[in-house]
Protein backbone atom coordinates (compact mmCIF):
# COMPACT_ATOMS: atom_id res chain seq x y z
CA MET A 1 84.14 7.90 106.81
CA HIS A 2 85.04 4.23 106.89
CA PHE A 3 82.99 1.05 106.95
CA SER A 4 84.36 -2.47 107.14
CA LYS A 5 82.87 -5.91 107.33
CA THR A 6 84.13 -9.45 106.98
CA LEU A 7 81.69 -11.75 105.25
CA ILE A 8 81.07 -14.67 102.99
CA LEU A 9 79.85 -13.07 99.77
CA LEU A 10 77.02 -14.86 98.05
CA ALA A 11 76.99 -15.41 94.30
CA SER A 12 74.19 -12.85 93.89
CA ALA A 13 76.43 -10.20 95.40
CA THR A 14 78.64 -10.30 92.33
CA LEU A 15 75.82 -8.70 90.35
CA ALA A 16 75.24 -5.84 92.75
CA PHE A 17 77.42 -3.32 90.94
CA ALA A 18 77.97 -2.98 87.20
CA GLY A 19 80.24 -0.15 86.16
CA ASP A 20 80.63 1.50 82.78
CA ALA A 21 84.15 0.13 82.42
CA LEU A 22 86.40 -2.45 84.03
CA VAL A 23 90.19 -2.71 84.12
CA SER A 24 92.04 -5.83 85.24
CA ARG A 25 95.45 -6.86 86.56
CA GLY A 26 96.91 -10.31 87.10
CA LEU A 27 99.13 -10.66 90.17
CA PHE A 28 101.21 -13.42 91.74
CA GLU A 29 102.70 -13.30 95.23
CA GLY A 30 105.02 -15.80 96.89
CA THR A 31 107.42 -18.33 95.40
CA ASP A 32 106.55 -20.08 92.16
CA THR A 33 107.56 -23.68 92.87
CA THR A 34 106.36 -24.99 89.50
CA ASP A 35 108.71 -27.23 87.54
CA PRO A 36 109.27 -25.23 84.31
CA HIS A 37 109.37 -28.50 82.36
CA ALA A 38 106.05 -29.80 83.71
CA GLY A 39 103.10 -30.07 81.37
CA GLY A 40 99.75 -31.75 80.92
CA SER A 41 98.35 -33.65 83.88
CA ASP A 42 101.60 -33.28 85.86
CA VAL A 43 100.76 -29.61 86.41
CA PHE A 44 97.64 -30.61 88.36
CA GLU A 45 98.84 -33.88 89.91
CA TYR A 46 101.89 -32.61 91.78
CA PRO A 47 101.39 -29.93 94.48
CA GLU A 48 104.66 -28.17 93.71
CA ASN A 49 103.18 -27.33 90.30
CA HIS A 50 99.95 -25.90 91.70
CA PRO A 51 100.91 -22.22 91.26
CA ALA A 52 100.83 -22.83 87.49
CA ALA A 53 97.82 -25.12 87.84
CA THR A 54 95.88 -22.38 89.63
CA GLY A 55 96.79 -19.81 86.98
CA SER A 56 95.81 -22.27 84.25
CA ILE A 57 92.44 -22.91 85.88
CA LEU A 58 91.68 -19.21 86.31
CA ARG A 59 92.67 -18.48 82.72
CA GLY A 60 90.56 -21.39 81.50
CA LEU A 61 87.50 -20.39 83.53
CA ALA A 62 87.81 -16.88 82.09
CA THR A 63 87.92 -18.04 78.48
CA GLU A 64 84.91 -20.30 79.03
CA VAL A 65 82.77 -17.19 79.66
CA ASP A 66 84.47 -15.01 77.01
CA TYR A 67 86.45 -12.98 79.55
CA TRP A 68 89.72 -11.97 77.87
CA PRO A 69 91.13 -9.07 79.92
CA TYR A 70 94.30 -8.54 77.91
CA GLU A 71 92.42 -7.94 74.67
CA GLN A 72 88.85 -6.87 75.51
CA PRO A 73 87.67 -3.23 75.61
CA ALA A 74 87.02 -1.98 79.13
CA ALA A 75 83.39 -1.19 78.33
CA LYS A 76 82.66 -4.85 77.52
CA MET A 77 84.31 -6.36 80.57
CA PRO A 78 81.89 -5.63 83.47
CA LEU A 79 79.44 -8.32 82.33
CA THR A 80 82.00 -10.94 81.32
CA TYR A 81 83.88 -10.36 84.59
CA ARG A 82 80.75 -11.19 86.58
CA ASN A 83 80.36 -14.42 84.67
CA PHE A 84 84.01 -15.19 85.45
CA VAL A 85 83.41 -14.57 89.17
CA LYS A 86 80.52 -17.05 89.11
CA LYS A 87 82.81 -19.65 87.54
CA VAL A 88 85.41 -19.16 90.26
CA GLU A 89 82.78 -19.33 93.01
CA THR A 90 81.46 -22.67 91.78
CA PHE A 91 84.70 -24.38 90.74
CA PRO A 92 85.05 -27.59 92.83
CA GLY A 93 88.81 -27.17 93.24
CA PHE A 94 88.33 -23.95 95.23
CA PHE A 95 86.65 -23.36 98.58
CA ARG A 96 85.39 -20.04 99.90
CA MET A 97 87.28 -18.24 102.61
CA PRO A 98 86.11 -15.24 104.66
CA SER A 99 86.01 -12.20 102.40
CA ASP A 100 86.09 -8.49 103.10
CA GLU A 101 84.26 -5.36 101.95
CA GLN A 102 85.18 -1.83 102.97
CA THR A 103 84.09 1.70 102.11
CA PHE A 104 86.36 4.66 102.77
CA THR A 105 86.81 8.27 101.67
CA VAL A 106 89.47 9.21 99.12
CA ARG A 107 89.81 12.94 98.49
CA GLU A 108 92.06 12.80 95.42
CA LYS A 109 94.01 10.42 93.21
CA ASP A 110 97.24 10.92 95.18
CA GLU A 111 95.52 9.42 98.24
CA LEU A 112 94.35 6.25 96.51
CA TYR A 113 97.53 4.21 96.95
CA GLY A 114 97.72 4.93 100.68
CA ALA A 115 94.01 4.31 101.17
CA ILE A 116 94.17 0.91 99.49
CA GLU A 117 97.34 -0.14 101.29
CA GLY A 118 95.97 0.99 104.65
CA ASN A 119 92.58 -0.68 104.28
CA TYR A 120 93.50 -3.89 102.46
CA PRO A 121 93.32 -6.45 105.28
CA TYR A 122 95.79 -9.07 104.04
CA ALA A 123 99.57 -9.37 103.73
CA GLU A 124 99.88 -8.43 100.05
CA SER A 125 98.56 -4.90 100.61
CA GLU A 126 101.50 -3.11 98.97
CA ALA A 127 101.30 -5.07 95.71
CA VAL A 128 97.53 -4.63 95.54
CA ALA A 129 97.74 -0.90 96.27
CA MET A 130 100.31 -0.42 93.51
CA ALA A 131 98.21 -2.38 91.01
CA VAL A 132 95.01 -0.45 91.79
CA ASP A 133 96.79 2.90 91.67
CA GLU A 134 98.29 2.09 88.26
CA MET A 135 94.92 1.03 86.81
CA VAL A 136 93.46 4.55 87.04
CA PRO A 137 93.79 5.94 83.49
CA LYS A 138 95.52 9.25 82.82
CA ARG A 139 93.44 9.95 79.72
CA ASN A 140 90.12 8.70 78.40
CA LYS A 141 88.64 9.30 74.95
CA ASN A 142 85.15 8.22 76.02
CA PRO A 143 83.67 10.62 78.63
CA ASP A 144 80.60 8.38 79.01
CA LEU A 145 82.75 5.94 81.01
CA LYS A 146 82.27 7.29 84.54
CA GLN A 147 81.80 4.35 86.91
CA TRP A 148 84.97 2.26 86.88
CA GLU A 149 85.85 -1.08 88.41
CA LEU A 150 89.54 -1.60 89.07
CA THR A 151 90.00 -5.34 89.52
CA ALA A 152 92.86 -7.70 90.27
CA VAL A 153 93.08 -11.48 90.14
CA LEU A 154 95.73 -12.48 92.66
CA VAL A 155 97.29 -15.90 93.23
CA ASN A 156 99.25 -16.12 96.48
CA LYS A 157 101.54 -19.10 97.16
CA LEU A 158 101.88 -19.12 100.93
CA ASP A 159 105.08 -19.96 102.79
CA ALA A 160 102.99 -21.88 105.34
CA ARG A 161 99.53 -23.40 105.16
CA GLU A 162 96.54 -21.25 106.07
CA GLY A 163 93.87 -23.64 107.24
CA ASN A 164 93.51 -26.29 104.55
CA THR A 165 95.36 -24.58 101.72
CA GLU A 166 98.77 -23.39 100.56
CA ILE A 167 97.45 -21.25 97.69
CA ILE A 168 94.84 -18.49 97.94
CA VAL A 169 93.02 -16.87 95.02
CA SER A 170 91.79 -13.33 95.65
CA LEU A 171 89.36 -11.43 93.41
CA ILE A 172 89.79 -7.76 94.27
CA GLU A 173 87.36 -5.08 93.10
CA VAL A 174 87.70 -1.34 93.73
CA GLN A 175 84.79 0.84 92.58
CA VAL A 176 85.59 4.46 91.70
CA LYS A 177 84.05 7.37 89.84
CA LEU A 178 86.17 9.23 87.28
CA GLU A 179 85.49 12.48 85.45
CA THR A 180 86.90 13.29 82.01
CA SER A 181 87.59 16.78 80.67
CA ARG A 182 86.85 17.85 77.10
CA ARG A 183 90.52 17.29 76.33
CA GLY A 184 90.32 13.75 77.66
CA ARG A 185 92.22 14.22 80.89
CA VAL A 186 90.90 12.10 83.76
CA HIS A 187 90.06 13.68 87.11
CA PHE A 188 89.60 11.71 90.34
CA PRO A 189 87.04 13.59 92.50
CA LYS A 190 86.57 13.22 96.25
CA GLN A 191 84.43 10.13 96.76
CA GLU A 192 83.52 7.07 98.79
CA VAL A 193 85.49 4.14 97.40
CA THR A 194 84.30 0.57 97.92
CA MET A 195 86.83 -2.27 97.95
CA THR A 196 85.70 -5.90 97.89
CA VAL A 197 88.04 -8.86 98.34
CA ARG A 198 86.75 -12.38 97.62
CA ARG A 199 89.13 -15.13 98.73
CA PHE A 200 89.24 -18.79 97.76
CA GLY A 201 91.52 -21.58 98.92
CA VAL A 202 92.86 -24.09 96.41
CA ILE A 203 92.02 -27.71 97.29
CA ALA A 204 95.18 -29.59 96.34
CA SER A 205 93.58 -33.03 96.61
CA THR A 206 90.85 -32.09 94.12
CA LEU A 207 93.42 -30.93 91.58
CA GLU A 208 95.42 -34.12 92.08
CA SER A 209 92.47 -36.51 91.74
CA ASN A 210 91.16 -34.71 88.64
CA ALA A 211 94.55 -34.16 87.00
CA GLU A 212 93.76 -35.92 83.72
CA ARG A 213 90.35 -34.28 83.37
CA TYR A 214 91.64 -30.79 84.16
CA ALA A 215 94.54 -31.23 81.75
CA GLN A 216 92.01 -31.90 79.00
CA ARG A 217 89.75 -29.02 80.02
CA PHE A 218 92.34 -26.29 80.67
CA GLN A 219 95.31 -25.20 78.62
CA THR A 220 98.32 -25.33 80.94
CA VAL A 221 100.24 -22.06 81.17
CA ASP A 222 102.95 -20.72 83.44
CA VAL A 223 102.41 -18.07 86.10
CA GLU A 224 103.77 -15.29 83.91
CA ASN A 225 101.34 -16.15 81.13
CA PHE A 226 98.47 -16.07 83.64
CA THR A 227 99.38 -12.60 84.94
CA GLU A 228 99.76 -11.26 81.40
CA PHE A 229 96.42 -12.73 80.33
CA MET A 230 94.62 -11.09 83.26
CA THR A 231 96.13 -7.65 82.60
CA SER A 232 94.19 -5.09 80.54
CA SER A 233 95.97 -3.55 77.58
CA ALA A 234 95.65 0.05 76.43
CA ASP A 235 96.03 -1.27 72.87
CA ASN A 236 92.34 -2.22 72.86
CA ASN A 237 90.85 0.70 74.78
CA GLU A 238 90.04 4.37 74.44
CA PHE A 239 92.13 5.35 77.45
CA VAL A 240 95.78 5.34 78.50
CA PHE A 241 97.34 4.28 81.79
CA SER A 242 99.84 5.84 84.10
CA PRO A 243 103.34 4.38 83.72
CA SER A 244 103.78 1.04 85.47
CA CYS A 245 106.49 0.03 87.90
CA SER A 246 105.59 -3.64 87.86
CA GLY A 247 107.40 -4.90 84.75
CA GLN A 248 104.69 -7.14 83.31
CA LEU A 249 106.00 -9.65 80.74
CA ARG A 250 105.28 -8.71 77.18
CA MET A 251 104.66 -12.07 75.47
CA GLY A 252 105.52 -10.43 72.15
CA ARG A 253 103.48 -7.32 73.01
CA ARG A 254 104.31 -3.93 74.44
CA ASP A 255 103.94 -3.66 78.21
CA PRO A 256 100.18 -3.00 78.46
CA LEU A 257 100.47 -0.62 81.39
CA ASN A 258 103.17 1.52 79.79
CA GLU A 259 101.03 2.63 76.84
CA TRP A 260 100.43 6.26 77.83
CA PHE A 261 100.71 9.79 76.53
CA LEU A 262 101.70 13.06 78.17
């Protein structure tokens, strides 16, 4: 069974589902044109630096509502994530684009990657499918965590403009149910999976005209720091991930998605 609809999601829709646990990934697609020596207001003023500016804004909006994916326990994150979504929806430097919500049947974990890749309606389907597939834990010490939200914050630097923007922010949410055995092994039962994609275009002129103000409000970070910040770590959770193929930067830490046990 498969349902699909394209829509503009209202702010109230972000509160419709609250799982027991939430896992996050930070993703970047496209070419990072940021000058590695740029800092302060230059990150926001010059369009070539806007990949880093966008990551800095998203990281800053997250910290303003106490959303720290790389260090927070999964059980705490559903509420703080919703507050983060509200921040993104109302940030004046972003505008809403048509979003997408789909429901489809997945019979077992091995089908999840293909189901996400086949139903994700935008160009970065392979990267998103890999990220979602890797976020399903192999083991879980807390069997009370049953309803899971697998989320990704994606920044895509386009090769050509789409409408009025060259950078798109996507908030991706995949809702799944997981069962845990007495030994802590996670089982993925046959289920209806819902995938929601909220998309926002970056308004370059707003970033440019508010460069000084945004430089004071947001700590400027590079794209790699943004993706690391948005990626959940097994160090702070009662579960362990499948091994990752994505090679996330460590920033002095172990790769968060390679902390797993046989």
